[in-house]
């Protein structure tokens, strides 16, 4: 199968260029397409992905695009499990959040956008994924023949041993991977990309995820929840607080897994919770180009920082 066959006829031709830009954890290929004087994104699922699962996920993304929550979809090819969407130039939400003068706007945009995601109709056939089981499975794989710091095991063990508080809210359509790389700010609208993990979940999960990645303090978290719910909580809900610890542990473990796949040698024996860089320090290194999560060492250090963040959250 040629990649050009995944495009609509109007975008095929001698002047069309297709460049690979990423490979998702699911095995999907992501490509930048230049055609007809415009730019698009082509995503082709792995051949091993069950068709029913691909249809379910594509359906969620299509509903999100129709609601203005994801880039517009211009073509869906079920036979090839391919989806073509518009390319949106990112104006950097982290910069909007990082500026004290515009931080409140960024928090409001995040909370309002996630509320609209959570208001999308639930697919009747969709089932909620057990993310605690996922963490346990990924952690077991990381530990098998791969040295990890003792504190990492303590962090993962803590969130798995702690019974999740009841959310007291019904399941919603959740993106389930809200992080800065999946957020596109075009200057006016906030959009989500990469809907591979989308499905039913309790609503605090998405909110807790972005709170972790933006290192929001408790007062900022309350403002985020107020933008989502329409009213600020007196205290942070217990389930939201748990979800922050859990998301940091799960994402940290996933990055250790990715570091191993990229050839990292594992712990050298000197890593401790105190000596591990904080998430703020890792973000600063990423901004200056001193660290890249495309490299094995960058993934390793980012993973450990996320686990340290989980340990610090109450």
C-alpha atoms as a PDB file:
ATOM      1  CA  UNK A   1       0.000   0.000   0.000  1.00  0.00           C
ATOM      2  CA  UNK A   2       1.358   3.429  -0.933  1.00  0.00           C
ATOM      3  CA  UNK A   3       0.691   6.312   1.426  1.00  0.00           C
ATOM      4  CA  UNK A   4      -0.717   8.397  -1.409  1.00  0.00           C
ATOM      5  CA  UNK A   5      -3.517   5.845  -1.749  1.00  0.00           C
ATOM      6  CA  UNK A   6      -4.638   6.877   1.734  1.00  0.00           C
ATOM      7  CA  UNK A   7      -5.374  10.403   0.490  1.00  0.00           C
ATOM      8  CA  UNK A   8      -8.509  11.592  -1.290  1.00  0.00           C
ATOM      9  CA  UNK A   9      -8.138  11.850  -5.048  1.00  0.00           C
ATOM     10  CA  UNK A  10      -8.047  15.655  -4.861  1.00  0.00           C
ATOM     11  CA  UNK A  11      -4.802  15.540  -2.848  1.00  0.00           C
ATOM     12  CA  UNK A  12      -2.922  13.041  -5.010  1.00  0.00           C
ATOM     13  CA  UNK A  13      -0.511  14.046  -7.721  1.00  0.00           C
ATOM     14  CA  UNK A  14       3.073  14.737  -8.708  1.00  0.00           C
ATOM     15  CA  UNK A  15       3.397  17.762  -6.435  1.00  0.00           C
ATOM     16  CA  UNK A  16       2.120  15.994  -3.309  1.00  0.00           C
ATOM     17  CA  UNK A  17       4.764  15.366  -0.644  1.00  0.00           C
ATOM     18  CA  UNK A  18       4.372  13.020   2.335  1.00  0.00           C
ATOM     19  CA  UNK A  19       6.868  13.157   5.205  1.00  0.00           C
ATOM     20  CA  UNK A  20       6.833  10.947   8.288  1.00  0.00           C
ATOM     21  CA  UNK A  21       6.801  12.998  11.482  1.00  0.00           C
ATOM     22  CA  UNK A  22       6.034  10.534  14.262  1.00  0.00           C
ATOM     23  CA  UNK A  23       5.112   7.010  15.275  1.00  0.00           C
ATOM     24  CA  UNK A  24       2.533   6.560  18.017  1.00  0.00           C
ATOM     25  CA  UNK A  25       2.681   4.057  20.862  1.00  0.00           C
ATOM     26  CA  UNK A  26      -0.095   2.140  19.130  1.00  0.00           C
ATOM     27  CA  UNK A  27       2.124   1.609  16.088  1.00  0.00           C
ATOM     28  CA  UNK A  28       0.307   4.197  13.988  1.00  0.00           C
ATOM     29  CA  UNK A  29       2.277   6.285  11.514  1.00  0.00           C
ATOM     30  CA  UNK A  30       1.816  10.058  11.425  1.00  0.00           C
ATOM     31  CA  UNK A  31       2.735  12.014   8.290  1.00  0.00           C
ATOM     32  CA  UNK A  32       2.786  15.628   7.133  1.00  0.00           C
ATOM     33  CA  UNK A  33       1.162  16.034   3.730  1.00  0.00           C
ATOM     34  CA  UNK A  34       1.755  19.009   1.439  1.00  0.00           C
ATOM     35  CA  UNK A  35      -0.821  19.041  -1.352  1.00  0.00           C
ATOM     36  CA  UNK A  36      -2.893  21.525  -3.316  1.00  0.00           C
ATOM     37  CA  UNK A  37      -1.125  24.415  -1.643  1.00  0.00           C
ATOM     38  CA  UNK A  38      -2.187  23.305   1.836  1.00  0.00           C
ATOM     39  CA  UNK A  39      -0.850  21.193   4.700  1.00  0.00           C
ATOM     40  CA  UNK A  40      -2.570  18.162   6.193  1.00  0.00           C
ATOM     41  CA  UNK A  41      -1.862  15.401   8.709  1.00  0.00           C
ATOM     42  CA  UNK A  42      -2.236  11.759   7.677  1.00  0.00           C
ATOM     43  CA  UNK A  43      -2.499   9.108  10.373  1.00  0.00           C
ATOM     44  CA  UNK A  44      -2.438   5.444   9.383  1.00  0.00           C
ATOM     45  CA  UNK A  45      -3.230   2.866  12.059  1.00  0.00           C
ATOM     46  CA  UNK A  46      -1.168  -0.243  12.590  1.00  0.00           C
ATOM     47  CA  UNK A  47      -2.350  -3.192  10.519  1.00  0.00           C
ATOM     48  CA  UNK A  48      -2.740  -5.202  13.728  1.00  0.00           C
ATOM     49  CA  UNK A  49      -5.312  -2.853  15.245  1.00  0.00           C
ATOM     50  CA  UNK A  50      -8.788  -4.407  15.284  1.00  0.00           C
ATOM     51  CA  UNK A  51     -11.121  -2.691  12.846  1.00  0.00           C
ATOM     52  CA  UNK A  52     -13.887  -2.256  15.438  1.00  0.00           C
ATOM     53  CA  UNK A  53     -11.485  -0.446  17.758  1.00  0.00           C
ATOM     54  CA  UNK A  54     -10.257   1.788  14.934  1.00  0.00           C
ATOM     55  CA  UNK A  55     -13.833   2.679  13.957  1.00  0.00           C
ATOM     56  CA  UNK A  56     -14.706   3.489  17.572  1.00  0.00           C
ATOM     57  CA  UNK A  57     -11.691   5.762  17.975  1.00  0.00           C
ATOM     58  CA  UNK A  58     -12.166   7.433  14.590  1.00  0.00           C
ATOM     59  CA  UNK A  59     -15.796   8.059  15.480  1.00  0.00           C
ATOM     60  CA  UNK A  60     -14.827   9.860  18.687  1.00  0.00           C
ATOM     61  CA  UNK A  61     -12.319  12.005  16.817  1.00  0.00           C
ATOM     62  CA  UNK A  62     -14.879  12.789  14.125  1.00  0.00           C
ATOM     63  CA  UNK A  63     -17.426  13.940  16.718  1.00  0.00           C
ATOM     64  CA  UNK A  64     -14.729  16.031  18.409  1.00  0.00           C
ATOM     65  CA  UNK A  65     -13.798  17.655  15.091  1.00  0.00           C
ATOM     66  CA  UNK A  66     -17.434  18.440  14.342  1.00  0.00           C
ATOM     67  CA  UNK A  67     -17.672  20.113  17.751  1.00  0.00           C
ATOM     68  CA  UNK A  68     -14.580  22.235  17.061  1.00  0.00           C
ATOM     69  CA  UNK A  69     -12.451  20.341  19.582  1.00  0.00           C
ATOM     70  CA  UNK A  70     -10.082  18.674  17.101  1.00  0.00           C
ATOM     71  CA  UNK A  71      -8.685  19.708  13.697  1.00  0.00           C
ATOM     72  CA  UNK A  72     -11.166  19.314  10.846  1.00  0.00           C
ATOM     73  CA  UNK A  73     -11.227  15.870   9.242  1.00  0.00           C
ATOM     74  CA  UNK A  74     -11.047  15.987   5.455  1.00  0.00           C
ATOM     75  CA  UNK A  75     -10.921  12.258   4.629  1.00  0.00           C
ATOM     76  CA  UNK A  76     -11.491   8.870   6.290  1.00  0.00           C
ATOM     77  CA  UNK A  77     -10.456   5.635   4.583  1.00  0.00           C
ATOM     78  CA  UNK A  78     -11.746   2.652   6.564  1.00  0.00           C
ATOM     79  CA  UNK A  79     -10.154   0.084   4.269  1.00  0.00           C
ATOM     80  CA  UNK A  80      -6.676   1.457   4.944  1.00  0.00           C
ATOM     81  CA  UNK A  81      -7.514   2.653   8.470  1.00  0.00           C
ATOM     82  CA  UNK A  82      -6.337   6.116   7.512  1.00  0.00           C
ATOM     83  CA  UNK A  83      -7.525   9.541   8.561  1.00  0.00           C
ATOM     84  CA  UNK A  84      -6.559  12.878   7.015  1.00  0.00           C
ATOM     85  CA  UNK A  85      -7.071  16.050   9.017  1.00  0.00           C
ATOM     86  CA  UNK A  86      -6.245  19.707   8.586  1.00  0.00           C
ATOM     87  CA  UNK A  87      -2.876  20.905   9.869  1.00  0.00           C
ATOM     88  CA  UNK A  88      -3.207  23.636  12.495  1.00  0.00           C
ATOM     89  CA  UNK A  89      -0.306  25.969  13.272  1.00  0.00           C
ATOM     90  CA  UNK A  90       0.380  25.874  17.012  1.00  0.00           C
ATOM     91  CA  UNK A  91       0.789  29.245  18.743  1.00  0.00           C
ATOM     92  CA  UNK A  92       1.935  27.561  22.004  1.00  0.00           C
ATOM     93  CA  UNK A  93      -0.475  27.201  24.872  1.00  0.00           C
ATOM     94  CA  UNK A  94       2.470  26.698  27.300  1.00  0.00           C
ATOM     95  CA  UNK A  95       3.618  30.232  26.450  1.00  0.00           C
ATOM     96  CA  UNK A  96       0.098  31.549  27.113  1.00  0.00           C
ATOM     97  CA  UNK A  97       0.042  29.703  30.439  1.00  0.00           C
ATOM     98  CA  UNK A  98       3.593  30.726  31.321  1.00  0.00           C
ATOM     99  CA  UNK A  99       2.842  34.431  30.978  1.00  0.00           C
ATOM    100  CA  UNK A 100       1.314  35.695  34.273  1.00  0.00           C
ATOM    101  CA  UNK A 101      -0.739  38.223  32.311  1.00  0.00           C
ATOM    102  CA  UNK A 102      -2.469  35.506  30.255  1.00  0.00           C
ATOM    103  CA  UNK A 103      -2.379  32.523  32.624  1.00  0.00           C
ATOM    104  CA  UNK A 104      -5.982  32.943  33.746  1.00  0.00           C
ATOM    105  CA  UNK A 105      -7.074  32.922  30.109  1.00  0.00           C
ATOM    106  CA  UNK A 106      -5.103  29.724  29.449  1.00  0.00           C
ATOM    107  CA  UNK A 107      -6.620  27.988  32.486  1.00  0.00           C
ATOM    108  CA  UNK A 108     -10.096  29.091  31.438  1.00  0.00           C
ATOM    109  CA  UNK A 109      -9.565  27.814  27.896  1.00  0.00           C
ATOM    110  CA  UNK A 110      -8.334  24.463  29.202  1.00  0.00           C
ATOM    111  CA  UNK A 111     -11.217  23.955  31.618  1.00  0.00           C
ATOM    112  CA  UNK A 112     -13.845  25.047  29.104  1.00  0.00           C
ATOM    113  CA  UNK A 113     -12.420  22.927  26.306  1.00  0.00           C
ATOM    114  CA  UNK A 114     -12.285  19.818  28.496  1.00  0.00           C
ATOM    115  CA  UNK A 115     -15.872  20.383  29.593  1.00  0.00           C
ATOM    116  CA  UNK A 116     -16.908  20.369  25.933  1.00  0.00           C
ATOM    117  CA  UNK A 117     -14.947  17.143  25.387  1.00  0.00           C
ATOM    118  CA  UNK A 118     -16.689  15.578  28.366  1.00  0.00           C
ATOM    119  CA  UNK A 119     -20.055  16.685  26.987  1.00  0.00           C
ATOM    120  CA  UNK A 120     -19.535  14.680  23.789  1.00  0.00           C
ATOM    121  CA  UNK A 121     -21.934  11.701  23.629  1.00  0.00           C
ATOM    122  CA  UNK A 122     -20.568   8.409  24.869  1.00  0.00           C
ATOM    123  CA  UNK A 123     -20.352   5.695  22.244  1.00  0.00           C
ATOM    124  CA  UNK A 124     -22.836   3.016  23.381  1.00  0.00           C
ATOM    125  CA  UNK A 125     -20.419   0.161  22.665  1.00  0.00           C
ATOM    126  CA  UNK A 126     -17.422   1.757  24.366  1.00  0.00           C
ATOM    127  CA  UNK A 127     -16.044   0.312  27.582  1.00  0.00           C
ATOM    128  CA  UNK A 128     -13.813   2.061  30.107  1.00  0.00           C
ATOM    129  CA  UNK A 129     -10.196   0.884  30.090  1.00  0.00           C
ATOM    130  CA  UNK A 130      -8.684  -0.241  33.393  1.00  0.00           C
ATOM    131  CA  UNK A 131      -5.772   2.192  33.649  1.00  0.00           C
ATOM    132  CA  UNK A 132      -4.607   0.747  36.972  1.00  0.00           C
ATOM    133  CA  UNK A 133      -4.179  -2.600  35.254  1.00  0.00           C
ATOM    134  CA  UNK A 134      -2.332  -0.841  32.427  1.00  0.00           C
ATOM    135  CA  UNK A 135       0.070   0.737  34.928  1.00  0.00           C
ATOM    136  CA  UNK A 136       0.671  -2.612  36.620  1.00  0.00           C
ATOM    137  CA  UNK A 137       1.370  -4.297  33.273  1.00  0.00           C
ATOM    138  CA  UNK A 138       3.700  -1.595  31.948  1.00  0.00           C
ATOM    139  CA  UNK A 139       5.555  -1.432  35.269  1.00  0.00           C
ATOM    140  CA  UNK A 140       6.042  -5.207  35.279  1.00  0.00           C
ATOM    141  CA  UNK A 141       7.472  -4.973  31.761  1.00  0.00           C
ATOM    142  CA  UNK A 142       9.814  -2.140  32.716  1.00  0.00           C
ATOM    143  CA  UNK A 143      11.165  -4.047  35.703  1.00  0.00           C
ATOM    144  CA  UNK A 144      11.805  -7.266  33.775  1.00  0.00           C
ATOM    145  CA  UNK A 145      15.561  -7.304  33.182  1.00  0.00           C
ATOM    146  CA  UNK A 146      15.863  -3.520  33.447  1.00  0.00           C
ATOM    147  CA  UNK A 147      17.297  -1.684  36.454  1.00  0.00           C
ATOM    148  CA  UNK A 148      15.121   1.065  37.920  1.00  0.00           C
ATOM    149  CA  UNK A 149      15.649   3.210  41.036  1.00  0.00           C
ATOM    150  CA  UNK A 150      14.093   1.926  44.243  1.00  0.00           C
ATOM    151  CA  UNK A 151      12.044   5.108  44.659  1.00  0.00           C
ATOM    152  CA  UNK A 152      10.322   4.466  41.333  1.00  0.00           C
ATOM    153  CA  UNK A 153       8.944   1.195  42.652  1.00  0.00           C
ATOM    154  CA  UNK A 154       7.804   2.951  45.813  1.00  0.00           C
ATOM    155  CA  UNK A 155       5.885   5.540  43.802  1.00  0.00           C
ATOM    156  CA  UNK A 156       4.155   2.999  41.569  1.00  0.00           C
ATOM    157  CA  UNK A 157       3.388   0.762  44.522  1.00  0.00           C
ATOM    158  CA  UNK A 158       1.852   3.692  46.385  1.00  0.00           C
ATOM    159  CA  UNK A 159      -0.733   4.556  43.730  1.00  0.00           C
ATOM    160  CA  UNK A 160      -1.569   0.917  43.015  1.00  0.00           C
ATOM    161  CA  UNK A 161      -2.025   0.105  46.708  1.00  0.00           C
ATOM    162  CA  UNK A 162      -4.252   3.120  47.323  1.00  0.00           C
ATOM    163  CA  UNK A 163      -7.930   2.466  46.519  1.00  0.00           C
ATOM    164  CA  UNK A 164      -9.136   5.227  44.174  1.00  0.00           C
ATOM    165  CA  UNK A 165     -11.703   7.463  45.903  1.00  0.00           C
ATOM    166  CA  UNK A 166     -15.109   7.372  44.218  1.00  0.00           C
ATOM    167  CA  UNK A 167     -15.439  10.179  41.687  1.00  0.00           C
ATOM    168  CA  UNK A 168     -19.182  10.571  42.337  1.00  0.00           C
ATOM    169  CA  UNK A 169     -19.503  11.629  38.701  1.00  0.00           C
ATOM    170  CA  UNK A 170     -20.701   9.576  35.734  1.00  0.00           C
ATOM    171  CA  UNK A 171     -18.345   8.408  33.028  1.00  0.00           C
ATOM    172  CA  UNK A 172     -17.759  10.838  30.190  1.00  0.00           C
ATOM    173  CA  UNK A 173     -16.022  10.817  26.827  1.00  0.00           C
ATOM    174  CA  UNK A 174     -12.408  11.408  27.813  1.00  0.00           C
ATOM    175  CA  UNK A 175      -9.339  12.161  25.711  1.00  0.00           C
ATOM    176  CA  UNK A 176      -7.202  10.233  28.229  1.00  0.00           C
ATOM    177  CA  UNK A 177      -3.891  11.724  27.024  1.00  0.00           C
ATOM    178  CA  UNK A 178      -4.129  15.459  27.689  1.00  0.00           C
ATOM    179  CA  UNK A 179      -0.557  16.725  27.645  1.00  0.00           C
ATOM    180  CA  UNK A 180       1.068  19.784  26.042  1.00  0.00           C
ATOM    181  CA  UNK A 181       2.159  17.868  22.922  1.00  0.00           C
ATOM    182  CA  UNK A 182      -1.476  16.991  22.199  1.00  0.00           C
ATOM    183  CA  UNK A 183      -2.773  20.545  22.651  1.00  0.00           C
ATOM    184  CA  UNK A 184      -2.832  22.981  19.741  1.00  0.00           C
ATOM    185  CA  UNK A 185      -3.545  26.650  20.371  1.00  0.00           C
ATOM    186  CA  UNK A 186      -4.199  28.491  17.104  1.00  0.00           C
ATOM    187  CA  UNK A 187      -4.441  31.877  18.763  1.00  0.00           C
ATOM    188  CA  UNK A 188      -8.205  31.712  19.138  1.00  0.00           C
ATOM    189  CA  UNK A 189      -9.183  28.073  19.713  1.00  0.00           C
ATOM    190  CA  UNK A 190      -7.738  25.247  21.774  1.00  0.00           C
ATOM    191  CA  UNK A 191      -7.787  21.882  19.991  1.00  0.00           C
ATOM    192  CA  UNK A 192      -6.793  18.354  20.947  1.00  0.00           C
ATOM    193  CA  UNK A 193      -4.912  15.971  18.663  1.00  0.00           C
ATOM    194  CA  UNK A 194      -3.970  12.284  18.983  1.00  0.00           C
ATOM    195  CA  UNK A 195      -7.221  10.646  20.078  1.00  0.00           C
ATOM    196  CA  UNK A 196      -5.747   7.123  20.207  1.00  0.00           C
ATOM    197  CA  UNK A 197      -6.470   6.688  23.924  1.00  0.00           C
ATOM    198  CA  UNK A 198      -9.918   8.324  23.879  1.00  0.00           C
ATOM    199  CA  UNK A 199     -12.798   6.534  25.568  1.00  0.00           C
ATOM    200  CA  UNK A 200     -14.962   6.526  28.681  1.00  0.00           C
ATOM    201  CA  UNK A 201     -13.432   7.704  31.945  1.00  0.00           C
ATOM    202  CA  UNK A 202     -14.342   9.765  34.973  1.00  0.00           C
ATOM    203  CA  UNK A 203     -13.916  13.478  34.200  1.00  0.00           C
ATOM    204  CA  UNK A 204     -11.262  14.283  36.787  1.00  0.00           C
ATOM    205  CA  UNK A 205      -8.683  12.213  34.865  1.00  0.00           C
ATOM    206  CA  UNK A 206      -8.241  14.648  31.956  1.00  0.00           C
ATOM    207  CA  UNK A 207      -8.226  17.616  34.320  1.00  0.00           C
ATOM    208  CA  UNK A 208      -5.633  16.018  36.591  1.00  0.00           C
ATOM    209  CA  UNK A 209      -3.420  15.119  33.628  1.00  0.00           C
ATOM    210  CA  UNK A 210      -3.066  18.672  32.366  1.00  0.00           C
ATOM    211  CA  UNK A 211      -2.644  19.920  35.937  1.00  0.00           C
ATOM    212  CA  UNK A 212       0.371  17.617  36.277  1.00  0.00           C
ATOM    213  CA  UNK A 213       2.010  18.579  32.997  1.00  0.00           C
ATOM    214  CA  UNK A 214       1.542  22.316  33.642  1.00  0.00           C
ATOM    215  CA  UNK A 215       2.615  21.866  37.289  1.00  0.00           C
ATOM    216  CA  UNK A 216      -0.453  23.714  38.556  1.00  0.00           C
ATOM    217  CA  UNK A 217      -0.557  24.588  42.231  1.00  0.00           C
ATOM    218  CA  UNK A 218      -3.722  23.894  44.204  1.00  0.00           C
ATOM    219  CA  UNK A 219      -5.240  27.333  43.628  1.00  0.00           C
ATOM    220  CA  UNK A 220      -4.689  27.065  39.874  1.00  0.00           C
ATOM    221  CA  UNK A 221      -6.219  23.590  39.965  1.00  0.00           C
ATOM    222  CA  UNK A 222      -9.299  25.067  41.643  1.00  0.00           C
ATOM    223  CA  UNK A 223      -9.515  27.655  38.852  1.00  0.00           C
ATOM    224  CA  UNK A 224      -9.255  24.857  36.274  1.00  0.00           C
ATOM    225  CA  UNK A 225     -12.072  22.940  37.950  1.00  0.00           C
ATOM    226  CA  UNK A 226     -14.133  26.142  38.146  1.00  0.00           C
ATOM    227  CA  UNK A 227     -13.717  26.676  34.397  1.00  0.00           C
ATOM    228  CA  UNK A 228     -14.847  23.075  33.830  1.00  0.00           C
ATOM    229  CA  UNK A 229     -17.714  22.953  36.340  1.00  0.00           C
ATOM    230  CA  UNK A 230     -18.857  26.553  36.425  1.00  0.00           C
ATOM    231  CA  UNK A 231     -18.112  26.831  40.149  1.00  0.00           C
ATOM    232  CA  UNK A 232     -14.886  26.664  42.142  1.00  0.00           C
ATOM    233  CA  UNK A 233     -14.559  23.876  44.749  1.00  0.00           C
ATOM    234  CA  UNK A 234     -13.787  24.828  48.351  1.00  0.00           C
ATOM    235  CA  UNK A 235     -11.168  22.064  48.403  1.00  0.00           C
ATOM    236  CA  UNK A 236      -9.739  19.821  45.734  1.00  0.00           C
ATOM    237  CA  UNK A 237     -11.868  16.673  45.327  1.00  0.00           C
ATOM    238  CA  UNK A 238     -10.214  13.542  46.651  1.00  0.00           C
ATOM    239  CA  UNK A 239     -10.531  11.780  43.294  1.00  0.00           C
ATOM    240  CA  UNK A 240      -8.850  14.674  41.471  1.00  0.00           C
ATOM    241  CA  UNK A 241      -5.972  14.587  43.968  1.00  0.00           C
ATOM    242  CA  UNK A 242      -5.597  10.824  43.499  1.00  0.00           C
ATOM    243  CA  UNK A 243      -5.734  11.176  39.722  1.00  0.00           C
ATOM    244  CA  UNK A 244      -2.842  13.659  39.804  1.00  0.00           C
ATOM    245  CA  UNK A 245      -0.675  11.125  41.630  1.00  0.00           C
ATOM    246  CA  UNK A 246      -1.811   8.326  39.349  1.00  0.00           C
ATOM    247  CA  UNK A 247      -1.322  10.206  36.056  1.00  0.00           C
ATOM    248  CA  UNK A 248       2.196  11.265  37.049  1.00  0.00           C
ATOM    249  CA  UNK A 249       3.064   7.669  37.971  1.00  0.00           C
ATOM    250  CA  UNK A 250       1.537   6.192  34.812  1.00  0.00           C
ATOM    251  CA  UNK A 251       3.160   8.708  32.456  1.00  0.00           C
ATOM    252  CA  UNK A 252       6.477   8.396  34.281  1.00  0.00           C
ATOM    253  CA  UNK A 253       6.373   4.632  33.893  1.00  0.00           C
ATOM    254  CA  UNK A 254       5.479   4.950  30.211  1.00  0.00           C
ATOM    255  CA  UNK A 255       8.512   7.177  29.624  1.00  0.00           C
ATOM    256  CA  UNK A 256      10.802   4.669  31.362  1.00  0.00           C
ATOM    257  CA  UNK A 257       9.332   2.044  29.029  1.00  0.00           C
ATOM    258  CA  UNK A 258      10.022   4.291  26.022  1.00  0.00           C
ATOM    259  CA  UNK A 259      13.564   4.940  27.277  1.00  0.00           C
ATOM    260  CA  UNK A 260      14.184   1.200  27.428  1.00  0.00           C
ATOM    261  CA  UNK A 261      12.839   0.730  23.905  1.00  0.00           C
ATOM    262  CA  UNK A 262      15.189   3.494  22.739  1.00  0.00           C
ATOM    263  CA  UNK A 263      18.196   1.648  24.181  1.00  0.00           C
ATOM    264  CA  UNK A 264      18.692   3.233  27.605  1.00  0.00           C
ATOM    265  CA  UNK A 265      20.779   1.085  29.917  1.00  0.00           C
ATOM    266  CA  UNK A 266      18.666   1.623  33.021  1.00  0.00           C
ATOM    267  CA  UNK A 267      19.617   2.796  36.495  1.00  0.00           C
ATOM    268  CA  UNK A 268      23.274   3.052  37.417  1.00  0.00           C
ATOM    269  CA  UNK A 269      22.648   2.628  41.137  1.00  0.00           C
ATOM    270  CA  UNK A 270      23.148   6.237  42.210  1.00  0.00           C
ATOM    271  CA  UNK A 271      19.639   7.532  41.437  1.00  0.00           C
ATOM    272  CA  UNK A 272      17.615   8.638  44.449  1.00  0.00           C
ATOM    273  CA  UNK A 273      14.459  10.676  44.892  1.00  0.00           C
ATOM    274  CA  UNK A 274      16.539  13.617  46.161  1.00  0.00           C
ATOM    275  CA  UNK A 275      19.054  13.496  43.304  1.00  0.00           C
ATOM    276  CA  UNK A 276      16.432  13.197  40.569  1.00  0.00           C
ATOM    277  CA  UNK A 277      15.657  16.408  38.686  1.00  0.00           C
ATOM    278  CA  UNK A 278      12.262  17.932  39.336  1.00  0.00           C
ATOM    279  CA  UNK A 279       9.647  18.271  36.628  1.00  0.00           C
ATOM    280  CA  UNK A 280      10.255  22.053  36.622  1.00  0.00           C
ATOM    281  CA  UNK A 281      13.984  21.489  36.006  1.00  0.00           C
ATOM    282  CA  UNK A 282      13.271  19.019  33.207  1.00  0.00           C
ATOM    283  CA  UNK A 283      10.859  21.450  31.545  1.00  0.00           C
ATOM    284  CA  UNK A 284      13.516  24.182  31.745  1.00  0.00           C
ATOM    285  CA  UNK A 285      16.068  21.877  30.092  1.00  0.00           C
ATOM    286  CA  UNK A 286      13.572  21.036  27.348  1.00  0.00           C
ATOM    287  CA  UNK A 287      12.923  24.726  26.652  1.00  0.00           C
ATOM    288  CA  UNK A 288      16.641  25.421  26.175  1.00  0.00           C
ATOM    289  CA  UNK A 289      17.181  22.326  24.051  1.00  0.00           C
ATOM    290  CA  UNK A 290      19.462  20.736  26.649  1.00  0.00           C
ATOM    291  CA  UNK A 291      17.103  17.751  26.864  1.00  0.00           C
ATOM    292  CA  UNK A 292      14.939  16.053  24.252  1.00  0.00           C
ATOM    293  CA  UNK A 293      12.347  13.363  24.885  1.00  0.00           C
ATOM    294  CA  UNK A 294      13.154  12.026  21.416  1.00  0.00           C
ATOM    295  CA  UNK A 295      16.373  10.641  22.920  1.00  0.00           C
ATOM    296  CA  UNK A 296      16.628   7.690  25.295  1.00  0.00           C
ATOM    297  CA  UNK A 297      18.258   9.728  28.076  1.00  0.00           C
ATOM    298  CA  UNK A 298      15.637  12.467  27.752  1.00  0.00           C
ATOM    299  CA  UNK A 299      12.855   9.920  28.093  1.00  0.00           C
ATOM    300  CA  UNK A 300      14.569   8.358  31.110  1.00  0.00           C
ATOM    301  CA  UNK A 301      15.041  11.663  32.906  1.00  0.00           C
ATOM    302  CA  UNK A 302      11.525  12.852  32.074  1.00  0.00           C
ATOM    303  CA  UNK A 303      10.076   9.577  33.341  1.00  0.00           C
ATOM    304  CA  UNK A 304      11.942   9.825  36.644  1.00  0.00           C
ATOM    305  CA  UNK A 305      10.879  13.460  37.044  1.00  0.00           C
ATOM    306  CA  UNK A 306       7.228  12.503  36.593  1.00  0.00           C
ATOM    307  CA  UNK A 307       7.578   9.765  39.203  1.00  0.00           C
ATOM    308  CA  UNK A 308       9.197  12.293  41.568  1.00  0.00           C
ATOM    309  CA  UNK A 309       6.256  14.624  40.895  1.00  0.00           C
ATOM    310  CA  UNK A 310       3.832  11.843  41.820  1.00  0.00           C
ATOM    311  CA  UNK A 311       5.694  11.314  45.100  1.00  0.00           C
ATOM    312  CA  UNK A 312       5.383  15.009  45.949  1.00  0.00           C
ATOM    313  CA  UNK A 313       1.622  15.222  45.402  1.00  0.00           C
ATOM    314  CA  UNK A 314      -0.773  14.755  48.291  1.00  0.00           C
END
